[in-house]
Protein backbone atom coordinates (compact mmCIF):
# COMPACT_ATOMS: atom_id res chain seq x y z
CA MET A 1 11.79 -20.49 -122.26
CA ALA A 2 9.97 -17.11 -122.70
CA THR A 3 6.89 -18.95 -123.78
CA ASP A 4 6.91 -21.00 -120.58
CA ARG A 5 7.07 -17.89 -118.31
CA THR A 6 4.17 -16.32 -120.13
CA SER A 7 2.10 -19.49 -119.70
CA ASN A 8 2.82 -19.67 -115.96
CA LYS A 9 1.81 -16.03 -115.40
CA GLY A 10 -1.53 -16.57 -117.13
CA SER A 11 -2.18 -19.66 -115.08
CA GLY A 12 -1.50 -17.72 -111.84
CA ARG A 13 -3.91 -14.94 -112.73
CA THR A 14 -6.57 -17.50 -113.63
CA GLY A 15 -6.10 -19.32 -110.35
CA GLY A 16 -6.35 -16.07 -108.38
CA LYS A 17 -9.63 -15.11 -109.99
CA SER A 18 -11.02 -18.57 -109.39
CA GLY A 19 -10.08 -18.40 -105.72
CA LYS A 20 -11.78 -15.04 -105.32
CA ARG A 21 -14.92 -16.38 -107.00
CA ASN A 22 -14.92 -19.38 -104.68
CA ALA A 23 -14.49 -17.15 -101.61
CA ALA A 24 -17.33 -14.89 -102.76
CA ALA A 25 -19.51 -17.93 -103.38
CA ASP A 26 -18.76 -19.19 -99.89
CA ARG A 27 -19.68 -15.84 -98.39
CA ARG A 28 -22.93 -15.77 -100.36
CA ALA A 29 -23.68 -19.31 -99.23
CA LYS A 30 -23.06 -18.38 -95.61
CA ILE A 31 -25.20 -15.26 -95.92
CA GLU A 32 -27.99 -17.26 -97.51
CA GLU A 33 -27.75 -19.89 -94.77
CA ALA A 34 -27.95 -17.17 -92.13
CA ARG A 35 -30.98 -15.70 -93.86
CA ARG A 36 -32.58 -19.13 -94.07
CA LYS A 37 -32.06 -19.67 -90.34
CA GLU A 38 -33.44 -16.20 -89.61
CA ARG A 39 -36.58 -16.93 -91.67
CA ALA A 40 -36.98 -20.28 -89.88
CA ARG A 41 -36.63 -18.54 -86.51
CA ASP A 42 -39.22 -15.94 -87.51
CA ARG A 43 -41.63 -18.71 -88.52
CA ARG A 44 -41.13 -20.45 -85.18
CA ASN A 45 -41.70 -17.21 -83.28
CA ARG A 46 -44.90 -16.52 -85.21
CA LEU A 47 -46.09 -20.05 -84.53
CA VAL A 48 -45.37 -19.70 -80.80
CA THR A 49 -47.23 -16.37 -80.73
CA ILE A 50 -50.25 -17.85 -82.50
CA VAL A 51 -50.34 -20.85 -80.16
CA ALA A 52 -50.07 -18.59 -77.09
CA CYS A 53 -52.90 -16.39 -78.36
CA CYS A 54 -55.06 -19.46 -78.94
CA VAL A 55 -54.37 -20.71 -75.41
CA VAL A 56 -55.30 -17.33 -73.87
CA LEU A 57 -58.45 -17.12 -75.98
CA ALA A 58 -59.47 -20.65 -75.03
CA ALA A 59 -58.90 -19.91 -71.33
CA THR A 60 -60.94 -16.72 -71.56
CA VAL A 61 -63.82 -18.39 -73.35
CA GLY A 62 -63.65 -21.40 -71.02
CA GLY A 63 -63.64 -19.18 -67.93
CA GLY A 64 -66.62 -17.23 -69.20
CA TRP A 65 -68.48 -20.46 -69.90
CA TRP A 66 -67.71 -21.68 -66.37
CA LEU A 67 -69.07 -18.49 -64.82
CA VAL A 68 -72.22 -18.67 -66.93
CA ALA A 69 -72.67 -22.35 -66.12
CA ASN A 70 -72.33 -21.71 -62.40
CA SER A 71 -74.63 -18.70 -62.43
CA ASP A 72 -77.23 -20.80 -64.21
CA GLY A 73 -76.91 -23.69 -61.75
CA ASP A 74 -79.61 -25.31 -59.69
CA GLY A 75 -79.87 -22.25 -57.42
CA ASP A 76 -79.01 -23.99 -54.15
CA ASP A 77 -76.30 -21.47 -53.28
CA ALA A 78 -78.41 -18.51 -54.32
CA ALA A 79 -81.21 -19.69 -52.09
CA ALA A 80 -79.03 -19.68 -48.97
CA PRO A 81 -79.67 -16.69 -46.71
CA GLN A 82 -77.02 -13.97 -46.96
CA SER A 83 -75.65 -12.00 -44.02
CA GLY A 84 -78.19 -9.49 -42.73
CA GLU A 85 -81.15 -11.15 -44.47
CA SER A 86 -84.04 -12.63 -42.57
CA ALA A 87 -83.85 -16.37 -42.03
CA GLU A 88 -86.28 -18.80 -40.47
CA ILE A 89 -85.66 -19.27 -36.78
CA GLU A 90 -87.72 -21.86 -34.96
CA GLY A 91 -90.12 -20.31 -32.48
CA VAL A 92 -90.03 -16.76 -33.81
CA GLN A 93 -93.40 -15.02 -33.83
CA THR A 94 -93.97 -12.46 -36.57
CA TRP A 95 -96.36 -9.59 -37.18
CA GLU A 96 -96.89 -7.61 -40.37
CA ASP A 97 -98.42 -4.26 -41.32
CA LEU A 98 -97.66 -2.69 -37.95
CA SER A 99 -98.60 0.98 -37.66
CA ARG A 100 -95.82 3.51 -37.15
CA ASN A 101 -97.49 6.69 -35.96
CA HIS A 102 -95.87 8.97 -33.38
CA VAL A 103 -98.29 9.37 -30.49
CA GLU A 104 -98.42 10.76 -26.99
CA GLY A 105 -99.25 8.74 -23.90
CA GLN A 106 -99.50 5.00 -23.46
CA VAL A 107 -100.30 2.57 -26.27
CA GLU A 108 -102.20 -0.70 -25.88
CA TYR A 109 -100.09 -3.29 -27.68
CA THR A 110 -101.31 -6.74 -28.72
CA MET A 111 -98.04 -8.47 -27.78
CA ASN A 112 -95.80 -8.28 -24.71
CA PRO A 113 -93.16 -7.01 -25.06
CA PRO A 114 -94.45 -4.97 -28.02
CA ALA A 115 -92.81 -5.75 -31.36
CA GLY A 116 -94.04 -2.70 -33.23
CA GLY A 117 -96.92 -0.33 -33.71
CA ASP A 118 -97.56 3.30 -32.78
CA HIS A 119 -94.90 4.71 -30.50
CA ALA A 120 -93.48 7.79 -28.81
CA GLN A 121 -91.68 10.56 -30.63
CA ALA A 122 -88.46 9.85 -28.69
CA TRP A 123 -86.60 6.56 -28.88
CA MET A 124 -84.59 4.85 -26.18
CA ASN A 125 -80.87 4.92 -26.78
CA CYS A 126 -79.97 1.55 -28.25
CA ASP A 127 -76.25 1.80 -28.85
CA ALA A 128 -75.33 -1.22 -26.70
CA ASP A 129 -77.37 0.19 -23.80
CA VAL A 130 -78.19 -1.94 -20.74
CA TYR A 131 -80.88 -0.48 -18.46
CA GLU A 132 -81.17 -1.57 -14.84
CA ALA A 133 -84.81 -0.46 -14.54
CA GLU A 134 -87.84 -0.99 -16.78
CA ILE A 135 -88.28 1.40 -19.71
CA ALA A 136 -91.41 2.63 -21.44
CA ASN A 137 -92.77 0.40 -24.20
CA GLU A 138 -93.49 3.35 -26.45
CA ASN A 139 -89.87 4.54 -26.47
CA ALA A 140 -88.47 1.04 -26.90
CA VAL A 141 -90.72 0.40 -29.89
CA HIS A 142 -89.29 3.50 -31.55
CA SER A 143 -85.84 1.93 -31.10
CA LEU A 144 -87.11 -1.20 -32.86
CA GLU A 145 -88.18 0.98 -35.76
CA HIS A 146 -84.54 2.05 -36.08
CA GLY A 147 -83.39 -1.57 -36.40
CA ALA A 148 -82.54 -2.37 -32.77
CA VAL A 149 -83.08 -5.66 -30.97
CA TRP A 150 -84.60 -5.30 -27.50
CA VAL A 151 -83.59 -7.96 -24.95
CA THR A 152 -85.89 -8.25 -21.91
CA TYR A 153 -86.03 -10.58 -18.92
CA ASN A 154 -88.16 -11.20 -15.84
CA ASP A 155 -87.53 -12.57 -12.35
CA ALA A 156 -87.47 -16.16 -13.66
CA ALA A 157 -84.27 -15.52 -15.63
CA ALA A 158 -81.12 -16.90 -14.03
CA GLU A 159 -78.56 -14.40 -12.80
CA GLU A 160 -75.83 -15.92 -14.97
CA ASP A 161 -78.09 -15.61 -18.03
CA ILE A 162 -78.74 -11.95 -17.27
CA ALA A 163 -75.00 -11.38 -16.95
CA THR A 164 -74.30 -13.19 -20.23
CA LEU A 165 -76.93 -11.21 -22.11
CA SER A 166 -75.77 -7.97 -20.53
CA ASP A 167 -72.22 -8.59 -21.78
CA ARG A 168 -73.51 -9.44 -25.24
CA VAL A 169 -75.67 -6.33 -25.50
CA SER A 170 -72.90 -4.12 -24.07
CA ASN A 171 -70.75 -5.12 -27.05
CA THR A 172 -73.40 -4.90 -29.76
CA THR A 173 -74.55 -1.63 -31.27
CA TYR A 174 -78.25 -1.35 -32.15
CA THR A 175 -79.26 -3.38 -29.11
CA LEU A 176 -80.76 -2.49 -25.74
CA MET A 177 -81.66 -4.52 -22.68
CA SER A 178 -83.98 -3.98 -19.74
CA PRO A 179 -86.02 -5.93 -17.16
CA LYS A 180 -89.71 -6.50 -17.90
CA ALA A 181 -91.56 -8.12 -15.00
CA ASP A 182 -94.87 -8.79 -16.74
CA GLN A 183 -93.59 -10.86 -19.70
CA GLU A 184 -94.34 -14.59 -19.65
CA SER A 185 -90.97 -16.06 -20.67
CA PRO A 186 -87.77 -15.62 -18.69
CA ILE A 187 -85.98 -14.05 -21.68
CA VAL A 188 -87.45 -12.42 -24.80
CA LEU A 189 -85.68 -10.95 -27.82
CA THR A 190 -87.72 -8.52 -29.88
CA ALA A 191 -87.12 -6.84 -33.24
CA TRP A 192 -89.62 -4.90 -35.33
CA GLY A 193 -92.32 -7.45 -36.21
CA ASN A 194 -90.33 -10.39 -34.82
CA GLN A 195 -90.03 -11.94 -31.37
CA LEU A 196 -88.35 -14.97 -29.78
CA ALA A 197 -88.92 -16.29 -26.25
CA VAL A 198 -86.27 -18.53 -24.66
CA ASP A 199 -85.53 -19.98 -21.25
CA THR A 200 -81.76 -19.52 -21.16
CA ALA A 201 -79.08 -17.34 -22.74
CA ALA A 202 -77.31 -20.50 -23.90
CA ASP A 203 -80.07 -21.21 -26.42
CA PRO A 204 -78.29 -21.04 -29.84
CA ARG A 205 -81.26 -19.19 -31.29
CA VAL A 206 -80.29 -16.13 -29.24
CA GLU A 207 -77.17 -15.55 -31.35
CA THR A 208 -79.03 -16.36 -34.55
CA PHE A 209 -81.75 -13.87 -33.71
CA LEU A 210 -79.24 -11.11 -32.97
CA ASP A 211 -77.20 -11.84 -36.11
CA THR A 212 -80.36 -11.79 -38.21
CA PHE A 213 -82.30 -8.85 -36.84
CA VAL A 214 -79.79 -6.27 -35.61
CA GLN A 215 -80.25 -3.70 -38.41
CA GLY A 216 -81.86 -6.54 -40.34
CA ALA A 217 -84.10 -6.56 -43.38
CA GLN A 218 -87.16 -5.99 -41.17
CA THR A 219 -85.96 -2.49 -40.17
CA PRO A 220 -88.49 0.21 -41.20
CA GLU A 221 -85.87 2.98 -40.90
CA PRO A 222 -82.45 1.44 -41.65
CA GLY A 223 -79.54 3.63 -40.60
CA ALA A 224 -81.61 5.74 -38.21
CA ALA A 225 -79.77 6.77 -35.04
CA CYS A 226 -79.60 4.70 -31.88
CA THR A 227 -78.10 7.62 -29.94
CA GLY A 228 -79.53 11.02 -29.13
CA GLY A 229 -82.70 9.60 -27.61
CA LEU A 230 -83.72 8.89 -24.03
CA ALA A 231 -81.10 7.48 -21.68
CA GLU A 232 -83.43 6.44 -18.82
């Protein structure tokens, strides 16, 4: 009977040790599984990061290629006139190499109204100024040198056209307007070296001329004042 009790005690201790080993093995297995999942997650994250970087790089390179391809295109867009640049306007007369000396007295101009040449020391104010009486050519030409457009009309111009042009000039800096009885056309728009004659204010070239030549590329002295000159 003593022998049997001793045998049972030994068996219990053996079973307890075996259970502890199994529990430890389970814990190690779980820890290893967790580590395996963590490594797999890290690999996925690295893969996602690499793919994202590749996508960004491809977009950057592709965008740069698109910009280069468009800048090296057929040039149609580049050839279009930009705002403020001279553009061809049907009927515009042009003169080049006009003198710009300041002189006293009257000047004999080759065009009427004059579109440039020697002129007076003082300019006519051209900050949206509408004059009811004729002004001196020599002072008006100095205004053209500063980038103004000079609108003139004679007795053949319709009253409604004069009113329309007066409103337009009154709202446009670097313009001036005055009657000029001896010009041939009812209405003439003049910038330095450029001139357009029209019959009515409704002619679409009037707006085009103003948009092109008010402080346009033809201006000999861009940014020069249109105030501080003569007011009458």
